[in-house]
Amino acid sequence: MQAARGASLNPSDQPDRADDLPARRRLHPRVLFAAVALVAYALDLASKQWALAELADRDVPVLGDWLTLHLTFNPGAAFSTGTEFTIVFTCLAMVAVVVVLWLSRRLGSTGWALALGILLGGVSGNLTDRIVRQPEPLHGHVVDFLMLPNWPVFNLADVCINIAAGLIILQTFRGVALDGSRETDT
């Protein structure tokens, strides 16, 4: 019966169990994608709640003038551009979430799972602000609190989106497809 399944009856022909451990412990890329997305999303939401509670009436210098925690609400995009188009940013974020979820069905690469998971967590974090925060649903302002000199104030969701962009570029340059296959030179 075992021989019919392709298993050898000779124990010496079986691979060493220690060799099998890494393969068994490795997460499927879709599981990794979901876990990374949930962690990124939870960290973003938690950090924003903390900022709302602790930074409402004060700034906190972290690294001198280089990094300051400063609470602000952003109705637009980076540098508060496009403040009159908040609904457009909300719709674009919704489309991005749907596209990332659709692409995740084909995941077979750990690198892509990390990139898309981080991207989904970041986009979902800012989308949540757009949906539930003041002044009204779908027009909400994003909570930002990380301030660098000569740079717009940002949050962990923004950090996630930028890290994801870097990972996506890296995977593309490496020639790794979503399913884990690699482009070959012809």
N, C-alpha and C. Protein backbone atom coordinates (compact mmCIF):
# COMPACT_ATOMS: atom_id res chain seq x y z
N MET A 1 0.82 -1.19 0.00
CA MET A 1 0.00 0.00 0.00
C MET A 1 0.86 1.26 0.00
N GLN A 2 1.91 1.28 0.85
CA GLN A 2 2.79 2.44 0.86
C GLN A 2 3.55 2.56 -0.44
N ALA A 3 3.96 1.42 -1.00
CA ALA A 3 4.69 1.47 -2.26
C ALA A 3 3.84 2.07 -3.37
N ALA A 4 2.53 1.86 -3.31
CA ALA A 4 1.64 2.41 -4.32
C ALA A 4 1.59 3.92 -4.24
N ARG A 5 1.83 4.49 -3.07
CA ARG A 5 1.83 5.94 -2.90
C ARG A 5 3.18 6.56 -3.21
N GLY A 6 4.14 5.75 -3.61
CA GLY A 6 5.45 6.29 -3.94
C GLY A 6 6.40 6.26 -2.77
N ALA A 7 6.00 5.70 -1.63
CA ALA A 7 6.88 5.63 -0.47
C ALA A 7 7.68 4.34 -0.53
N SER A 8 8.91 4.43 -0.12
CA SER A 8 9.78 3.26 -0.12
C SER A 8 9.57 2.46 1.15
N LEU A 9 9.65 1.15 1.04
CA LEU A 9 9.54 0.29 2.22
C LEU A 9 10.85 0.24 2.97
N ASN A 10 11.95 0.65 2.38
CA ASN A 10 13.25 0.62 3.01
C ASN A 10 13.46 1.91 3.80
N PRO A 11 13.59 1.85 5.15
CA PRO A 11 13.74 3.06 5.95
C PRO A 11 14.97 3.86 5.60
N SER A 12 16.02 3.23 5.09
CA SER A 12 17.24 3.99 4.75
C SER A 12 17.03 4.86 3.52
N ASP A 13 16.00 4.57 2.72
CA ASP A 13 15.71 5.40 1.56
C ASP A 13 14.89 6.65 1.91
N GLN A 14 14.36 6.70 3.12
CA GLN A 14 13.54 7.83 3.55
C GLN A 14 14.45 9.01 3.89
N PRO A 15 14.04 10.24 3.58
CA PRO A 15 14.85 11.40 3.94
C PRO A 15 14.90 11.55 5.46
N ASP A 16 15.97 12.15 5.92
CA ASP A 16 16.12 12.40 7.35
C ASP A 16 15.04 13.37 7.80
N ARG A 17 14.42 13.09 8.95
CA ARG A 17 13.34 13.95 9.46
C ARG A 17 13.83 15.37 9.71
N ALA A 18 15.08 15.53 10.09
CA ALA A 18 15.60 16.88 10.33
C ALA A 18 15.57 17.71 9.04
N ASP A 19 15.75 17.06 7.89
CA ASP A 19 15.70 17.78 6.62
C ASP A 19 14.29 18.26 6.30
N ASP A 20 13.29 17.58 6.82
CA ASP A 20 11.89 17.94 6.55
C ASP A 20 11.39 19.09 7.40
N LEU A 21 12.03 19.38 8.53
CA LEU A 21 11.51 20.37 9.46
C LEU A 21 11.33 21.76 8.85
N PRO A 22 12.30 22.31 8.15
CA PRO A 22 12.06 23.65 7.60
C PRO A 22 10.87 23.69 6.65
N ALA A 23 10.68 22.66 5.87
CA ALA A 23 9.56 22.65 4.92
C ALA A 23 8.24 22.59 5.67
N ARG A 24 8.19 21.89 6.76
CA ARG A 24 6.95 21.78 7.53
C ARG A 24 6.63 23.04 8.30
N ARG A 25 7.64 23.75 8.74
CA ARG A 25 7.42 24.93 9.57
C ARG A 25 7.19 26.19 8.75
N ARG A 26 7.50 26.16 7.49
CA ARG A 26 7.33 27.35 6.66
C ARG A 26 5.86 27.60 6.41
N LEU A 27 5.45 28.83 6.62
CA LEU A 27 4.06 29.21 6.40
C LEU A 27 3.76 29.28 4.91
N HIS A 28 2.56 28.91 4.57
CA HIS A 28 2.10 29.10 3.20
C HIS A 28 2.07 30.61 2.95
N PRO A 29 2.46 31.07 1.76
CA PRO A 29 2.49 32.51 1.49
C PRO A 29 1.17 33.23 1.78
N ARG A 30 0.03 32.60 1.54
CA ARG A 30 -1.25 33.28 1.82
C ARG A 30 -1.49 33.44 3.32
N VAL A 31 -1.02 32.47 4.11
CA VAL A 31 -1.14 32.59 5.57
C VAL A 31 -0.22 33.70 6.05
N LEU A 32 1.00 33.74 5.52
CA LEU A 32 1.95 34.80 5.87
C LEU A 32 1.38 36.16 5.48
N PHE A 33 0.82 36.26 4.29
CA PHE A 33 0.19 37.50 3.81
C PHE A 33 -0.88 37.98 4.80
N ALA A 34 -1.77 37.08 5.18
CA ALA A 34 -2.86 37.45 6.10
C ALA A 34 -2.32 37.87 7.46
N ALA A 35 -1.35 37.12 7.98
CA ALA A 35 -0.78 37.44 9.30
C ALA A 35 -0.07 38.79 9.28
N VAL A 36 0.72 39.03 8.25
CA VAL A 36 1.44 40.30 8.14
C VAL A 36 0.45 41.46 8.00
N ALA A 37 -0.57 41.29 7.18
CA ALA A 37 -1.57 42.34 7.00
C ALA A 37 -2.28 42.66 8.31
N LEU A 38 -2.66 41.64 9.05
CA LEU A 38 -3.35 41.85 10.33
C LEU A 38 -2.45 42.55 11.35
N VAL A 39 -1.18 42.13 11.42
CA VAL A 39 -0.25 42.75 12.36
C VAL A 39 -0.01 44.22 11.98
N ALA A 40 0.24 44.48 10.71
CA ALA A 40 0.48 45.86 10.27
C ALA A 40 -0.74 46.74 10.56
N TYR A 41 -1.92 46.22 10.25
CA TYR A 41 -3.17 46.96 10.48
C TYR A 41 -3.37 47.23 11.98
N ALA A 42 -3.17 46.21 12.80
CA ALA A 42 -3.36 46.36 14.24
C ALA A 42 -2.36 47.36 14.83
N LEU A 43 -1.11 47.29 14.41
CA LEU A 43 -0.10 48.23 14.91
C LEU A 43 -0.43 49.66 14.50
N ASP A 44 -0.90 49.83 13.28
CA ASP A 44 -1.27 51.18 12.84
C ASP A 44 -2.44 51.72 13.67
N LEU A 45 -3.48 50.91 13.81
CA LEU A 45 -4.64 51.38 14.59
C LEU A 45 -4.27 51.67 16.04
N ALA A 46 -3.48 50.79 16.64
CA ALA A 46 -3.08 50.97 18.04
C ALA A 46 -2.22 52.22 18.20
N SER A 47 -1.30 52.44 17.26
CA SER A 47 -0.44 53.63 17.36
C SER A 47 -1.26 54.91 17.20
N LYS A 48 -2.26 54.89 16.35
CA LYS A 48 -3.11 56.07 16.18
C LYS A 48 -3.95 56.33 17.43
N GLN A 49 -4.47 55.28 18.03
CA GLN A 49 -5.24 55.45 19.27
C GLN A 49 -4.35 56.00 20.37
N TRP A 50 -3.11 55.49 20.46
CA TRP A 50 -2.17 56.00 21.44
C TRP A 50 -1.89 57.48 21.17
N ALA A 51 -1.65 57.85 19.92
CA ALA A 51 -1.37 59.23 19.57
C ALA A 51 -2.53 60.15 19.94
N LEU A 52 -3.74 59.69 19.67
CA LEU A 52 -4.92 60.50 20.02
C LEU A 52 -5.02 60.73 21.52
N ALA A 53 -4.66 59.72 22.30
CA ALA A 53 -4.77 59.83 23.76
C ALA A 53 -3.61 60.62 24.37
N GLU A 54 -2.42 60.49 23.83
CA GLU A 54 -1.23 61.04 24.46
C GLU A 54 -0.70 62.33 23.84
N LEU A 55 -1.06 62.62 22.62
CA LEU A 55 -0.45 63.76 21.93
C LEU A 55 -1.43 64.89 21.64
N ALA A 56 -2.59 64.84 22.23
CA ALA A 56 -3.63 65.83 21.93
C ALA A 56 -3.18 67.25 22.24
N ASP A 57 -2.40 67.43 23.28
CA ASP A 57 -2.04 68.79 23.69
C ASP A 57 -0.54 69.01 23.85
N ARG A 58 0.26 68.12 23.26
CA ARG A 58 1.71 68.29 23.42
C ARG A 58 2.47 67.57 22.31
N ASP A 59 3.66 68.05 22.04
CA ASP A 59 4.60 67.38 21.16
C ASP A 59 5.62 66.65 22.02
N VAL A 60 6.13 65.54 21.52
CA VAL A 60 7.13 64.78 22.26
C VAL A 60 8.36 64.59 21.37
N PRO A 61 9.46 65.27 21.72
CA PRO A 61 10.68 65.04 20.95
C PRO A 61 11.24 63.65 21.27
N VAL A 62 11.55 62.87 20.24
CA VAL A 62 12.07 61.52 20.43
C VAL A 62 13.57 61.50 20.19
N LEU A 63 14.00 62.07 19.08
CA LEU A 63 15.42 62.16 18.73
C LEU A 63 15.76 63.61 18.42
N GLY A 64 15.75 64.43 19.45
CA GLY A 64 16.03 65.86 19.27
C GLY A 64 15.03 66.47 18.30
N ASP A 65 15.57 67.22 17.34
CA ASP A 65 14.71 67.82 16.31
C ASP A 65 14.49 66.88 15.13
N TRP A 66 15.17 65.74 15.12
CA TRP A 66 15.09 64.84 13.99
C TRP A 66 13.77 64.07 13.94
N LEU A 67 13.25 63.62 15.07
CA LEU A 67 11.97 62.92 15.12
C LEU A 67 11.16 63.42 16.29
N THR A 68 9.99 63.95 15.99
CA THR A 68 9.08 64.46 17.01
C THR A 68 7.72 63.82 16.81
N LEU A 69 7.06 63.50 17.91
CA LEU A 69 5.69 63.00 17.85
C LEU A 69 4.77 64.22 17.94
N HIS A 70 4.03 64.46 16.88
CA HIS A 70 3.19 65.64 16.74
C HIS A 70 1.87 65.23 16.09
N LEU A 71 0.79 65.35 16.81
CA LEU A 71 -0.52 64.92 16.31
C LEU A 71 -1.08 65.92 15.31
N THR A 72 -1.52 65.39 14.18
CA THR A 72 -2.19 66.21 13.18
C THR A 72 -3.19 65.34 12.43
N PHE A 73 -4.13 65.98 11.77
CA PHE A 73 -5.16 65.27 11.02
C PHE A 73 -5.06 65.71 9.56
N ASN A 74 -4.91 64.75 8.68
CA ASN A 74 -4.65 65.04 7.27
C ASN A 74 -5.86 64.67 6.42
N PRO A 75 -6.51 65.66 5.81
CA PRO A 75 -7.65 65.37 4.93
C PRO A 75 -7.22 64.99 3.52
N GLY A 76 -5.94 65.24 3.18
CA GLY A 76 -5.49 65.00 1.81
C GLY A 76 -4.46 63.90 1.73
N ALA A 77 -3.56 64.06 0.75
CA ALA A 77 -2.47 63.11 0.55
C ALA A 77 -1.21 63.68 1.19
N ALA A 78 -0.05 63.23 0.76
CA ALA A 78 1.21 63.72 1.31
C ALA A 78 1.28 65.24 1.19
N PHE A 79 1.86 65.86 2.20
CA PHE A 79 1.97 67.31 2.29
C PHE A 79 0.58 67.97 2.31
N SER A 80 -0.43 67.20 2.68
CA SER A 80 -1.83 67.67 2.72
C SER A 80 -2.29 68.20 1.38
N THR A 81 -1.77 67.64 0.30
CA THR A 81 -2.23 68.05 -1.02
C THR A 81 -3.57 67.40 -1.33
N GLY A 82 -4.35 68.05 -2.12
CA GLY A 82 -5.62 67.49 -2.55
C GLY A 82 -6.65 67.39 -1.44
N THR A 83 -6.64 68.34 -0.51
CA THR A 83 -7.56 68.26 0.63
C THR A 83 -9.03 68.28 0.20
N GLU A 84 -9.31 68.83 -0.97
CA GLU A 84 -10.69 68.86 -1.44
C GLU A 84 -11.10 67.55 -2.12
N PHE A 85 -10.15 66.61 -2.24
CA PHE A 85 -10.42 65.34 -2.91
C PHE A 85 -10.39 64.14 -1.95
N THR A 86 -10.76 64.35 -0.71
CA THR A 86 -10.72 63.28 0.29
C THR A 86 -11.51 62.06 -0.17
N ILE A 87 -12.66 62.27 -0.75
CA ILE A 87 -13.48 61.14 -1.22
C ILE A 87 -12.76 60.36 -2.32
N VAL A 88 -11.98 61.03 -3.15
CA VAL A 88 -11.21 60.35 -4.19
C VAL A 88 -10.16 59.45 -3.56
N PHE A 89 -9.46 59.96 -2.53
CA PHE A 89 -8.46 59.14 -1.85
C PHE A 89 -9.11 57.93 -1.17
N THR A 90 -10.31 58.13 -0.64
CA THR A 90 -11.04 57.02 -0.01
C THR A 90 -11.36 55.96 -1.06
N CYS A 91 -11.87 56.38 -2.20
CA CYS A 91 -12.22 55.42 -3.27
C CYS A 91 -10.97 54.71 -3.80
N LEU A 92 -9.87 55.44 -3.97
CA LEU A 92 -8.64 54.82 -4.44
C LEU A 92 -8.13 53.78 -3.43
N ALA A 93 -8.25 54.09 -2.14
CA ALA A 93 -7.83 53.12 -1.12
C ALA A 93 -8.71 51.88 -1.15
N MET A 94 -10.00 52.06 -1.38
CA MET A 94 -10.90 50.91 -1.48
C MET A 94 -10.52 50.02 -2.67
N VAL A 95 -10.23 50.67 -3.79
CA VAL A 95 -9.81 49.92 -4.98
C VAL A 95 -8.49 49.18 -4.70
N ALA A 96 -7.57 49.86 -4.03
CA ALA A 96 -6.28 49.23 -3.72
C ALA A 96 -6.46 48.00 -2.84
N VAL A 97 -7.34 48.07 -1.85
CA VAL A 97 -7.60 46.92 -0.98
C VAL A 97 -8.15 45.75 -1.81
N VAL A 98 -9.10 46.04 -2.69
CA VAL A 98 -9.68 44.98 -3.52
C VAL A 98 -8.63 44.37 -4.44
N VAL A 99 -7.80 45.20 -5.05
CA VAL A 99 -6.76 44.70 -5.96
C VAL A 99 -5.76 43.83 -5.21
N VAL A 100 -5.31 44.28 -4.05
CA VAL A 100 -4.35 43.49 -3.26
C VAL A 100 -4.96 42.16 -2.86
N LEU A 101 -6.21 42.16 -2.42
CA LEU A 101 -6.87 40.90 -2.05
C LEU A 101 -7.01 39.98 -3.27
N TRP A 102 -7.34 40.55 -4.42
CA TRP A 102 -7.46 39.75 -5.64
C TRP A 102 -6.11 39.14 -6.02
N LEU A 103 -5.05 39.94 -5.95
CA LEU A 103 -3.71 39.45 -6.28
C LEU A 103 -3.24 38.37 -5.30
N SER A 104 -3.67 38.48 -4.06
CA SER A 104 -3.20 37.54 -3.04
C SER A 104 -3.65 36.11 -3.32
N ARG A 105 -4.65 35.92 -4.15
CA ARG A 105 -5.11 34.57 -4.49
C ARG A 105 -4.01 33.78 -5.21
N ARG A 106 -3.09 34.47 -5.87
CA ARG A 106 -2.05 33.82 -6.67
C ARG A 106 -0.72 33.72 -5.93
N LEU A 107 -0.66 34.11 -4.66
CA LEU A 107 0.60 34.16 -3.94
C LEU A 107 1.26 32.79 -3.82
N GLY A 108 2.52 32.75 -4.17
CA GLY A 108 3.33 31.55 -4.00
C GLY A 108 4.73 31.92 -3.57
N SER A 109 4.96 33.19 -3.30
CA SER A 109 6.28 33.71 -2.96
C SER A 109 6.23 34.38 -1.59
N THR A 110 7.20 34.06 -0.75
CA THR A 110 7.29 34.69 0.57
C THR A 110 7.51 36.19 0.44
N GLY A 111 8.38 36.60 -0.47
CA GLY A 111 8.64 38.03 -0.65
C GLY A 111 7.41 38.81 -1.05
N TRP A 112 6.65 38.25 -1.99
CA TRP A 112 5.40 38.91 -2.40
C TRP A 112 4.37 38.88 -1.27
N ALA A 113 4.34 37.81 -0.50
CA ALA A 113 3.40 37.73 0.63
C ALA A 113 3.70 38.83 1.64
N LEU A 114 4.98 39.04 1.94
CA LEU A 114 5.35 40.12 2.86
C LEU A 114 4.97 41.48 2.28
N ALA A 115 5.34 41.70 1.01
CA ALA A 115 5.07 43.00 0.39
C ALA A 115 3.58 43.31 0.35
N LEU A 116 2.79 42.37 -0.12
CA LEU A 116 1.35 42.63 -0.24
C LEU A 116 0.67 42.67 1.13
N GLY A 117 1.14 41.88 2.09
CA GLY A 117 0.58 41.93 3.43
C GLY A 117 0.83 43.28 4.09
N ILE A 118 2.07 43.77 3.98
CA ILE A 118 2.40 45.09 4.53
C ILE A 118 1.60 46.17 3.82
N LEU A 119 1.47 46.05 2.51
CA LEU A 119 0.70 47.03 1.74
C LEU A 119 -0.77 47.03 2.17
N LEU A 120 -1.36 45.85 2.29
CA LEU A 120 -2.77 45.77 2.69
C LEU A 120 -2.97 46.35 4.09
N GLY A 121 -2.08 46.04 5.01
CA GLY A 121 -2.18 46.59 6.37
C GLY A 121 -2.12 48.10 6.37
N GLY A 122 -1.19 48.67 5.60
CA GLY A 122 -1.04 50.12 5.55
C GLY A 122 -2.20 50.82 4.88
N VAL A 123 -2.59 50.33 3.73
CA VAL A 123 -3.72 50.94 3.02
C VAL A 123 -5.00 50.83 3.85
N SER A 124 -5.21 49.69 4.47
CA SER A 124 -6.41 49.49 5.29
C SER A 124 -6.41 50.40 6.51
N GLY A 125 -5.24 50.65 7.08
CA GLY A 125 -5.16 51.55 8.24
C GLY A 125 -5.61 52.95 7.89
N ASN A 126 -5.09 53.48 6.79
CA ASN A 126 -5.50 54.84 6.39
C ASN A 126 -6.94 54.86 5.88
N LEU A 127 -7.37 53.78 5.24
CA LEU A 127 -8.76 53.71 4.78
C LEU A 127 -9.72 53.72 5.96
N THR A 128 -9.36 53.03 7.01
CA THR A 128 -10.21 53.04 8.22
C THR A 128 -10.39 54.46 8.72
N ASP A 129 -9.30 55.24 8.76
CA ASP A 129 -9.43 56.64 9.17
C ASP A 129 -10.38 57.40 8.25
N ARG A 130 -10.24 57.19 6.95
CA ARG A 130 -11.10 57.90 5.99
C ARG A 130 -12.58 57.55 6.19
N ILE A 131 -12.84 56.33 6.62
CA ILE A 131 -14.23 55.88 6.79
C ILE A 131 -14.82 56.31 8.13
N VAL A 132 -14.07 56.23 9.21
CA VAL A 132 -14.67 56.41 10.54
C VAL A 132 -14.34 57.72 11.24
N ARG A 133 -13.38 58.47 10.78
CA ARG A 133 -13.00 59.68 11.51
C ARG A 133 -13.77 60.91 11.02
N GLN A 134 -13.67 61.97 11.80
CA GLN A 134 -14.32 63.24 11.49
C GLN A 134 -13.69 63.84 10.23
N PRO A 135 -14.40 64.59 9.44
CA PRO A 135 -15.68 65.20 9.74
C PRO A 135 -16.90 64.34 9.42
N GLU A 136 -16.76 63.37 8.48
CA GLU A 136 -17.90 62.50 8.16
C GLU A 136 -17.39 61.25 7.47
N PRO A 137 -18.21 60.20 7.42
CA PRO A 137 -17.78 58.97 6.76
C PRO A 137 -17.37 59.21 5.30
N LEU A 138 -16.31 58.53 4.90
CA LEU A 138 -15.69 58.61 3.59
C LEU A 138 -14.94 59.91 3.34
N HIS A 139 -15.02 60.84 4.27
CA HIS A 139 -14.30 62.11 4.18
C HIS A 139 -13.41 62.31 5.41
N GLY A 140 -13.19 61.26 6.17
CA GLY A 140 -12.43 61.37 7.40
C GLY A 140 -10.98 61.76 7.18
N HIS A 141 -10.42 62.38 8.20
CA HIS A 141 -9.03 62.82 8.16
C HIS A 141 -8.15 61.74 8.77
N VAL A 142 -7.01 61.50 8.16
CA VAL A 142 -6.07 60.48 8.63
C VAL A 142 -5.26 61.03 9.80
N VAL A 143 -5.11 60.21 10.84
CA VAL A 143 -4.31 60.59 12.01
C VAL A 143 -2.84 60.38 11.67
N ASP A 144 -2.06 61.46 11.74
CA ASP A 144 -0.62 61.41 11.52
C ASP A 144 0.07 61.92 12.79
N PHE A 145 1.26 61.39 13.08
CA PHE A 145 1.92 61.81 14.31
C PHE A 145 3.45 61.70 14.30
N LEU A 146 4.03 61.19 13.24
CA LEU A 146 5.48 61.08 13.16
C LEU A 146 6.01 62.24 12.31
N MET A 147 6.84 63.09 12.92
CA MET A 147 7.28 64.30 12.22
C MET A 147 8.80 64.34 12.11
N LEU A 148 9.28 64.45 10.88
CA LEU A 148 10.69 64.65 10.58
C LEU A 148 10.85 66.07 10.05
N PRO A 149 12.04 66.65 10.15
CA PRO A 149 12.21 68.00 9.61
C PRO A 149 12.02 68.02 8.09
N ASN A 150 11.35 69.05 7.61
CA ASN A 150 11.14 69.26 6.17
C ASN A 150 10.47 68.08 5.49
N TRP A 151 9.56 67.44 6.17
CA TRP A 151 8.86 66.28 5.64
C TRP A 151 7.44 66.31 6.17
N PRO A 152 6.47 65.79 5.42
CA PRO A 152 5.10 65.79 5.96
C PRO A 152 4.98 64.85 7.16
N VAL A 153 4.09 65.18 8.05
CA VAL A 153 3.83 64.31 9.20
C VAL A 153 3.16 63.05 8.66
N PHE A 154 3.53 61.90 9.20
CA PHE A 154 3.04 60.63 8.67
C PHE A 154 2.72 59.67 9.81
N ASN A 155 2.33 58.45 9.48
CA ASN A 155 1.96 57.44 10.48
C ASN A 155 2.53 56.08 10.09
N LEU A 156 2.25 55.05 10.88
CA LEU A 156 2.77 53.72 10.59
C LEU A 156 2.20 53.14 9.30
N ALA A 157 0.97 53.48 8.96
CA ALA A 157 0.39 53.01 7.70
C ALA A 157 1.20 53.53 6.52
N ASP A 158 1.61 54.79 6.59
CA ASP A 158 2.44 55.36 5.53
C ASP A 158 3.79 54.65 5.44
N VAL A 159 4.37 54.34 6.60
CA VAL A 159 5.63 53.59 6.63
C VAL A 159 5.43 52.24 5.95
N CYS A 160 4.34 51.56 6.30
CA CYS A 160 4.05 50.25 5.70
C CYS A 160 3.92 50.34 4.18
N ILE A 161 3.21 51.34 3.71
CA ILE A 161 3.00 51.50 2.27
C ILE A 161 4.34 51.71 1.56
N ASN A 162 5.23 52.49 2.15
CA ASN A 162 6.53 52.74 1.53
C ASN A 162 7.44 51.52 1.58
N ILE A 163 7.42 50.78 2.68
CA ILE A 163 8.19 49.53 2.76
C ILE A 163 7.67 48.55 1.72
N ALA A 164 6.36 48.45 1.60
CA ALA A 164 5.77 47.54 0.62
C ALA A 164 6.19 47.94 -0.80
N ALA A 165 6.20 49.22 -1.09
CA ALA A 165 6.62 49.67 -2.42
C ALA A 165 8.06 49.23 -2.69
N GLY A 166 8.93 49.38 -1.71
CA GLY A 166 10.31 48.95 -1.87
C GLY A 166 10.41 47.45 -2.10
N LEU A 167 9.64 46.65 -1.35
CA LEU A 167 9.66 45.20 -1.52
C LEU A 167 9.10 44.78 -2.88
N ILE A 168 8.08 45.48 -3.34
CA ILE A 168 7.50 45.18 -4.65
C ILE A 168 8.52 45.47 -5.75
N ILE A 169 9.21 46.58 -5.64
CA ILE A 169 10.25 46.92 -6.61
C ILE A 169 11.36 45.87 -6.57
N LEU A 170 11.76 45.46 -5.38
CA LEU A 170 12.81 44.44 -5.23
C LEU A 170 12.39 43.12 -5.88
N GLN A 171 11.19 42.68 -5.61
CA GLN A 171 10.71 41.42 -6.19
C GLN A 171 10.64 41.52 -7.71
N THR A 172 10.25 42.66 -8.20
CA THR A 172 10.17 42.87 -9.65
C THR A 172 11.56 42.82 -10.28
N PHE A 173 12.53 43.51 -9.67
CA PHE A 173 13.89 43.48 -10.20
C PHE A 173 14.50 42.09 -10.12
N ARG A 174 14.13 41.34 -9.10
CA ARG A 174 14.64 39.97 -8.96
C ARG A 174 13.97 39.02 -9.95
N GLY A 175 12.91 39.48 -10.60
CA GLY A 175 12.21 38.64 -11.57
C GLY A 175 11.34 37.59 -10.94
N VAL A 176 10.88 37.84 -9.71
CA VAL A 176 10.03 36.87 -9.01
C VAL A 176 8.58 37.24 -9.25
N ALA A 177 7.82 36.30 -9.77
CA ALA A 177 6.39 36.52 -10.02
C ALA A 177 5.60 36.25 -8.73
N LEU A 178 4.35 36.68 -8.70
CA LEU A 178 3.49 36.46 -7.54
C LEU A 178 3.43 34.99 -7.13
N ASP A 179 3.42 34.11 -8.09
CA ASP A 179 3.31 32.69 -7.78
C ASP A 179 4.64 32.07 -7.37
N GLY A 180 5.70 32.86 -7.31
CA GLY A 180 7.00 32.38 -6.88
C GLY A 180 7.89 31.95 -8.02
N SER A 181 7.37 31.88 -9.23
CA SER A 181 8.20 31.51 -10.38
C SER A 181 9.12 32.68 -10.72
N ARG A 182 10.21 32.35 -11.40
CA ARG A 182 11.18 33.38 -11.79
C ARG A 182 11.21 33.50 -13.30
N GLU A 183 11.41 34.72 -13.75
CA GLU A 183 11.60 34.94 -15.17
C GLU A 183 12.94 34.34 -15.57
N THR A 184 12.99 33.71 -16.71
CA THR A 184 14.25 33.14 -17.19
C THR A 184 14.71 33.91 -18.40
N ASP A 185 16.01 34.00 -18.54
CA ASP A 185 16.57 34.69 -19.72
C ASP A 185 16.34 33.82 -20.94
N THR A 186 15.92 34.42 -22.01
CA THR A 186 15.67 33.65 -23.23
C THR A 186 16.84 33.74 -24.17
